[in-house]
Amino acid sequence: MDPLPIDELKDQEVNPTRDFVGRVRRQIERKTATSQAVTFGWELPKLVLLEFLKAAGEISPTKEPRK
């Protein structure tokens, strides 16, 4: 069986520097924060409208049931 290319690379493993890990972590955190802000900005108007409609439904007079 032919050796896999990964087998040749496993001996060349190098641990990343702390600076590299920190940069990657900050990038991931920025993208996550941006994603959450966009989701919040997208969902908030819908939630406000829904709450407004619920409040309007509670305030409006209800019809009496017919006898």
PDB file of N, CA and C in Angstrom:
ATOM      1  N   MET A   1       0.834  -1.172   0.000  1.00  0.00           N
ATOM      2  CA  MET A   1       0.000   0.000   0.000  1.00  0.00           C
ATOM      3  C   MET A   1       0.884   1.241   0.000  1.00  0.00           C
ATOM      4  N   ASP A   2       0.529   2.218  -0.834  1.00  0.00           N
ATOM      5  CA  ASP A   2       1.297   3.457  -0.922  1.00  0.00           C
ATOM      6  C   ASP A   2       1.069   4.298   0.335  1.00  0.00           C
ATOM      7  N   PRO A   3       2.128   4.939   0.823  1.00  0.00           N
ATOM      8  CA  PRO A   3       1.935   5.801   2.000  1.00  0.00           C
ATOM      9  C   PRO A   3       1.109   7.031   1.622  1.00  0.00           C
ATOM     10  N   LEU A   4       0.297   7.466   2.540  1.00  0.00           N
ATOM     11  CA  LEU A   4      -0.510   8.655   2.318  1.00  0.00           C
ATOM     12  C   LEU A   4       0.376   9.898   2.427  1.00  0.00           C
ATOM     13  N   PRO A   5       0.030  10.961   1.739  1.00  0.00           N
ATOM     14  CA  PRO A   5       0.828  12.184   1.843  1.00  0.00           C
ATOM     15  C   PRO A   5       0.886  12.712   3.280  1.00  0.00           C
ATOM     16  N   ILE A   6      -0.131  12.428   4.050  1.00  0.00           N
ATOM     17  CA  ILE A   6      -0.149  12.891   5.433  1.00  0.00           C
ATOM     18  C   ILE A   6       0.948  12.203   6.238  1.00  0.00           C
ATOM     19  N   ASP A   7       1.228  10.959   5.921  1.00  0.00           N
ATOM     20  CA  ASP A   7       2.275  10.230   6.632  1.00  0.00           C
ATOM     21  C   ASP A   7       3.621  10.929   6.483  1.00  0.00           C
ATOM     22  N   GLU A   8       3.877  11.497   5.328  1.00  0.00           N
ATOM     23  CA  GLU A   8       5.149  12.193   5.099  1.00  0.00           C
ATOM     24  C   GLU A   8       5.202  13.514   5.860  1.00  0.00           C
ATOM     25  N   LEU A   9       4.055  14.131   6.102  1.00  0.00           N
ATOM     26  CA  LEU A   9       4.020  15.438   6.759  1.00  0.00           C
ATOM     27  C   LEU A   9       3.963  15.364   8.281  1.00  0.00           C
ATOM     28  N   LYS A  10       3.617  14.199   8.827  1.00  0.00           N
ATOM     29  CA  LYS A  10       3.418  14.133  10.275  1.00  0.00           C
ATOM     30  C   LYS A  10       4.704  14.402  11.058  1.00  0.00           C
ATOM     31  N   ASP A  11       5.864  14.122  10.481  1.00  0.00           N
ATOM     32  CA  ASP A  11       7.127  14.376  11.173  1.00  0.00           C
ATOM     33  C   ASP A  11       7.526  15.847  11.095  1.00  0.00           C
ATOM     34  N   GLN A  12       6.862  16.624  10.259  1.00  0.00           N
ATOM     35  CA  GLN A  12       7.219  18.031  10.094  1.00  0.00           C
ATOM     36  C   GLN A  12       6.300  18.961  10.895  1.00  0.00           C
ATOM     37  N   GLU A  13       5.564  18.393  11.819  1.00  0.00           N
ATOM     38  CA  GLU A  13       4.620  19.176  12.603  1.00  0.00           C
ATOM     39  C   GLU A  13       5.345  20.252  13.408  1.00  0.00           C
ATOM     40  N   VAL A  14       4.799  21.469  13.365  1.00  0.00           N
ATOM     41  CA  VAL A  14       5.359  22.591  14.103  1.00  0.00           C
ATOM     42  C   VAL A  14       4.222  23.227  14.906  1.00  0.00           C
ATOM     43  N   ASN A  15       4.469  23.470  16.166  1.00  0.00           N
ATOM     44  CA  ASN A  15       3.457  24.116  16.996  1.00  0.00           C
ATOM     45  C   ASN A  15       3.363  25.591  16.620  1.00  0.00           C
ATOM     46  N   PRO A  16       2.148  26.122  16.535  1.00  0.00           N
ATOM     47  CA  PRO A  16       2.001  27.532  16.190  1.00  0.00           C
ATOM     48  C   PRO A  16       2.463  28.429  17.341  1.00  0.00           C
ATOM     49  N   THR A  17       2.861  29.627  16.995  1.00  0.00           N
ATOM     50  CA  THR A  17       3.296  30.571  18.022  1.00  0.00           C
ATOM     51  C   THR A  17       2.073  31.127  18.746  1.00  0.00           C
ATOM     52  N   ARG A  18       2.310  31.667  19.947  1.00  0.00           N
ATOM     53  CA  ARG A  18       1.209  32.238  20.720  1.00  0.00           C
ATOM     54  C   ARG A  18       0.606  33.434  19.991  1.00  0.00           C
ATOM     55  N   ASP A  19       1.433  34.187  19.287  1.00  0.00           N
ATOM     56  CA  ASP A  19       0.954  35.347  18.541  1.00  0.00           C
ATOM     57  C   ASP A  19      -0.018  34.912  17.445  1.00  0.00           C
ATOM     58  N   PHE A  20       0.327  33.847  16.736  1.00  0.00           N
ATOM     59  CA  PHE A  20      -0.538  33.335  15.676  1.00  0.00           C
ATOM     60  C   PHE A  20      -1.873  32.871  16.244  1.00  0.00           C
ATOM     61  N   VAL A  21      -1.833  32.143  17.336  1.00  0.00           N
ATOM     62  CA  VAL A  21      -3.056  31.637  17.966  1.00  0.00           C
ATOM     63  C   VAL A  21      -3.923  32.816  18.426  1.00  0.00           C
ATOM     64  N   GLY A  22      -3.286  33.845  18.979  1.00  0.00           N
ATOM     65  CA  GLY A  22      -4.024  35.023  19.422  1.00  0.00           C
ATOM     66  C   GLY A  22      -4.693  35.750  18.268  1.00  0.00           C
ATOM     67  N   ARG A  23      -3.979  35.884  17.145  1.00  0.00           N
ATOM     68  CA  ARG A  23      -4.559  36.544  15.971  1.00  0.00           C
ATOM     69  C   ARG A  23      -5.741  35.763  15.429  1.00  0.00           C
ATOM     70  N   VAL A  24      -5.613  34.453  15.357  1.00  0.00           N
ATOM     71  CA  VAL A  24      -6.704  33.619  14.856  1.00  0.00           C
ATOM     72  C   VAL A  24      -7.905  33.715  15.788  1.00  0.00           C
ATOM     73  N   ARG A  25      -7.644  33.665  17.100  1.00  0.00           N
ATOM     74  CA  ARG A  25      -8.736  33.763  18.075  1.00  0.00           C
ATOM     75  C   ARG A  25      -9.457  35.109  17.955  1.00  0.00           C
ATOM     76  N   ARG A  26      -8.715  36.207  17.816  1.00  0.00           N
ATOM     77  CA  ARG A  26      -9.340  37.528  17.675  1.00  0.00           C
ATOM     78  C   ARG A  26     -10.150  37.623  16.395  1.00  0.00           C
ATOM     79  N   GLN A  27      -9.638  37.036  15.319  1.00  0.00           N
ATOM     80  CA  GLN A  27     -10.389  37.038  14.061  1.00  0.00           C
ATOM     81  C   GLN A  27     -11.708  36.293  14.210  1.00  0.00           C
ATOM     82  N   ILE A  28     -11.673  35.143  14.835  1.00  0.00           N
ATOM     83  CA  ILE A  28     -12.888  34.353  15.046  1.00  0.00           C
ATOM     84  C   ILE A  28     -13.865  35.120  15.931  1.00  0.00           C
ATOM     85  N   GLU A  29     -13.358  35.749  16.993  1.00  0.00           N
ATOM     86  CA  GLU A  29     -14.230  36.502  17.889  1.00  0.00           C
ATOM     87  C   GLU A  29     -14.852  37.695  17.168  1.00  0.00           C
ATOM     88  N   ARG A  30     -14.100  38.384  16.305  1.00  0.00           N
ATOM     89  CA  ARG A  30     -14.655  39.509  15.538  1.00  0.00           C
ATOM     90  C   ARG A  30     -15.765  39.041  14.614  1.00  0.00           C
ATOM     91  N   LYS A  31     -15.527  37.933  13.927  1.00  0.00           N
ATOM     92  CA  LYS A  31     -16.543  37.423  13.006  1.00  0.00           C
ATOM     93  C   LYS A  31     -17.782  36.962  13.760  1.00  0.00           C
ATOM     94  N   THR A  32     -17.598  36.356  14.923  1.00  0.00           N
ATOM     95  CA  THR A  32     -18.730  35.919  15.731  1.00  0.00           C
ATOM     96  C   THR A  32     -19.522  37.123  16.227  1.00  0.00           C
ATOM     97  N   ALA A  33     -18.829  38.150  16.704  1.00  0.00           N
ATOM     98  CA  ALA A  33     -19.514  39.350  17.194  1.00  0.00           C
ATOM     99  C   ALA A  33     -20.273  40.034  16.058  1.00  0.00           C
ATOM    100  N   THR A  34     -19.666  40.108  14.884  1.00  0.00           N
ATOM    101  CA  THR A  34     -20.335  40.711  13.730  1.00  0.00           C
ATOM    102  C   THR A  34     -21.577  39.919  13.360  1.00  0.00           C
ATOM    103  N   SER A  35     -21.456  38.615  13.355  1.00  0.00           N
ATOM    104  CA  SER A  35     -22.597  37.754  13.022  1.00  0.00           C
ATOM    105  C   SER A  35     -23.736  37.953  14.017  1.00  0.00           C
ATOM    106  N   GLN A  36     -23.409  38.035  15.299  1.00  0.00           N
ATOM    107  CA  GLN A  36     -24.439  38.232  16.307  1.00  0.00           C
ATOM    108  C   GLN A  36     -25.095  39.601  16.170  1.00  0.00           C
ATOM    109  N   ALA A  37     -24.308  40.631  15.864  1.00  0.00           N
ATOM    110  CA  ALA A  37     -24.865  41.977  15.693  1.00  0.00           C
ATOM    111  C   ALA A  37     -25.798  42.033  14.488  1.00  0.00           C
ATOM    112  N   VAL A  38     -25.404  41.394  13.393  1.00  0.00           N
ATOM    113  CA  VAL A  38     -26.247  41.387  12.202  1.00  0.00           C
ATOM    114  C   VAL A  38     -27.535  40.613  12.476  1.00  0.00           C
ATOM    115  N   THR A  39     -27.434  39.486  13.142  1.00  0.00           N
ATOM    116  CA  THR A  39     -28.622  38.703  13.473  1.00  0.00           C
ATOM    117  C   THR A  39     -29.552  39.505  14.371  1.00  0.00           C
ATOM    118  N   PHE A  40     -28.993  40.179  15.367  1.00  0.00           N
ATOM    119  CA  PHE A  40     -29.792  41.002  16.266  1.00  0.00           C
ATOM    120  C   PHE A  40     -30.475  42.124  15.481  1.00  0.00           C
ATOM    121  N   GLY A  41     -29.752  42.780  14.601  1.00  0.00           N
ATOM    122  CA  GLY A  41     -30.317  43.858  13.793  1.00  0.00           C
ATOM    123  C   GLY A  41     -31.387  43.373  12.841  1.00  0.00           C
ATOM    124  N   TRP A  42     -31.293  42.148  12.426  1.00  0.00           N
ATOM    125  CA  TRP A  42     -32.273  41.576  11.501  1.00  0.00           C
ATOM    126  C   TRP A  42     -33.520  41.105  12.245  1.00  0.00           C
ATOM    127  N   GLU A  43     -33.340  40.532  13.413  1.00  0.00           N
ATOM    128  CA  GLU A  43     -34.452  39.961  14.176  1.00  0.00           C
ATOM    129  C   GLU A  43     -35.193  41.010  15.003  1.00  0.00           C
ATOM    130  N   LEU A  44     -34.527  42.054  15.449  1.00  0.00           N
ATOM    131  CA  LEU A  44     -35.137  43.031  16.337  1.00  0.00           C
ATOM    132  C   LEU A  44     -36.387  43.678  15.741  1.00  0.00           C
ATOM    133  N   PRO A  45     -36.362  44.175  14.501  1.00  0.00           N
ATOM    134  CA  PRO A  45     -37.594  44.785  13.961  1.00  0.00           C
ATOM    135  C   PRO A  45     -38.776  43.811  13.930  1.00  0.00           C
ATOM    136  N   LYS A  46     -38.508  42.550  13.634  1.00  0.00           N
ATOM    137  CA  LYS A  46     -39.596  41.565  13.623  1.00  0.00           C
ATOM    138  C   LYS A  46     -40.157  41.357  15.019  1.00  0.00           C
ATOM    139  N   LEU A  47     -39.287  41.299  16.010  1.00  0.00           N
ATOM    140  CA  LEU A  47     -39.752  41.107  17.380  1.00  0.00           C
ATOM    141  C   LEU A  47     -40.536  42.322  17.869  1.00  0.00           C
ATOM    142  N   VAL A  48     -40.079  43.525  17.523  1.00  0.00           N
ATOM    143  CA  VAL A  48     -40.789  44.739  17.923  1.00  0.00           C
ATOM    144  C   VAL A  48     -42.170  44.768  17.271  1.00  0.00           C
ATOM    145  N   LEU A  49     -42.253  44.459  15.995  1.00  0.00           N
ATOM    146  CA  LEU A  49     -43.538  44.430  15.298  1.00  0.00           C
ATOM    147  C   LEU A  49     -44.476  43.401  15.922  1.00  0.00           C
ATOM    148  N   LEU A  50     -43.961  42.234  16.230  1.00  0.00           N
ATOM    149  CA  LEU A  50     -44.777  41.191  16.849  1.00  0.00           C
ATOM    150  C   LEU A  50     -45.314  41.644  18.197  1.00  0.00           C
ATOM    151  N   GLU A  51     -44.467  42.257  19.014  1.00  0.00           N
ATOM    152  CA  GLU A  51     -44.908  42.744  20.317  1.00  0.00           C
ATOM    153  C   GLU A  51     -45.933  43.866  20.156  1.00  0.00           C
ATOM    154  N   PHE A  52     -45.744  44.731  19.166  1.00  0.00           N
ATOM    155  CA  PHE A  52     -46.703  45.801  18.906  1.00  0.00           C
ATOM    156  C   PHE A  52     -48.058  45.213  18.530  1.00  0.00           C
ATOM    157  N   LEU A  53     -48.059  44.211  17.673  1.00  0.00           N
ATOM    158  CA  LEU A  53     -49.315  43.582  17.270  1.00  0.00           C
ATOM    159  C   LEU A  53     -49.995  42.883  18.443  1.00  0.00           C
ATOM    160  N   LYS A  54     -49.216  42.242  19.300  1.00  0.00           N
ATOM    161  CA  LYS A  54     -49.784  41.609  20.490  1.00  0.00           C
ATOM    162  C   LYS A  54     -50.422  42.655  21.391  1.00  0.00           C
ATOM    163  N   ALA A  55     -49.708  43.765  21.604  1.00  0.00           N
ATOM    164  CA  ALA A  55     -50.241  44.831  22.458  1.00  0.00           C
ATOM    165  C   ALA A  55     -51.499  45.430  21.845  1.00  0.00           C
ATOM    166  N   ALA A  56     -51.505  45.648  20.536  1.00  0.00           N
ATOM    167  CA  ALA A  56     -52.668  46.210  19.864  1.00  0.00           C
ATOM    168  C   ALA A  56     -53.856  45.253  19.974  1.00  0.00           C
ATOM    169  N   GLY A  57     -53.604  43.966  19.917  1.00  0.00           N
ATOM    170  CA  GLY A  57     -54.671  42.978  20.046  1.00  0.00           C
ATOM    171  C   GLY A  57     -55.269  42.948  21.437  1.00  0.00           C
ATOM    172  N   GLU A  58     -54.456  43.221  22.458  1.00  0.00           N
ATOM    173  CA  GLU A  58     -54.963  43.227  23.830  1.00  0.00           C
ATOM    174  C   GLU A  58     -55.754  44.498  24.123  1.00  0.00           C
ATOM    175  N   ILE A  59     -55.411  45.588  23.469  1.00  0.00           N
ATOM    176  CA  ILE A  59     -56.082  46.861  23.724  1.00  0.00           C
ATOM    177  C   ILE A  59     -57.408  46.947  22.972  1.00  0.00           C
ATOM    178  N   SER A  60     -57.447  46.398  21.770  1.00  0.00           N
ATOM    179  CA  SER A  60     -58.644  46.540  20.943  1.00  0.00           C
ATOM    180  C   SER A  60     -59.832  45.838  21.596  1.00  0.00           C
ATOM    181  N   PRO A  61     -61.026  46.420  21.435  1.00  0.00           N
ATOM    182  CA  PRO A  61     -62.207  45.787  22.032  1.00  0.00           C
ATOM    183  C   PRO A  61     -62.512  44.459  21.336  1.00  0.00           C
ATOM    184  N   THR A  62     -62.906  43.519  22.114  1.00  0.00           N
ATOM    185  CA  THR A  62     -63.258  42.217  21.540  1.00  0.00           C
ATOM    186  C   THR A  62     -64.749  42.169  21.300  1.00  0.00           C
ATOM    187  N   LYS A  63     -65.151  41.429  20.330  1.00  0.00           N
ATOM    188  CA  LYS A  63     -66.569  41.272  20.030  1.00  0.00           C
ATOM    189  C   LYS A  63     -67.185  40.337  21.063  1.00  0.00           C
ATOM    190  N   GLU A  64     -68.391  40.687  21.435  1.00  0.00           N
ATOM    191  CA  GLU A  64     -69.126  39.812  22.345  1.00  0.00           C
ATOM    192  C   GLU A  64     -69.612  38.602  21.553  1.00  0.00           C
ATOM    193  N   PRO A  65     -69.607  37.436  22.139  1.00  0.00           N
ATOM    194  CA  PRO A  65     -70.116  36.263  21.420  1.00  0.00           C
ATOM    195  C   PRO A  65     -71.616  36.405  21.145  1.00  0.00           C
ATOM    196  N   ARG A  66     -72.038  35.967  20.001  1.00  0.00           N
ATOM    197  CA  ARG A  66     -73.466  36.029  19.627  1.00  0.00           C
ATOM    198  C   ARG A  66     -74.262  35.012  20.422  1.00  0.00           C
ATOM    199  N   LYS A  67     -75.499  35.395  20.741  1.00  0.00           N
ATOM    200  CA  LYS A  67     -76.374  34.490  21.497  1.00  0.00           C
ATOM    201  C   LYS A  67     -77.404  33.872  20.606  1.00  0.00           C
TER     202      LYS A  67
END
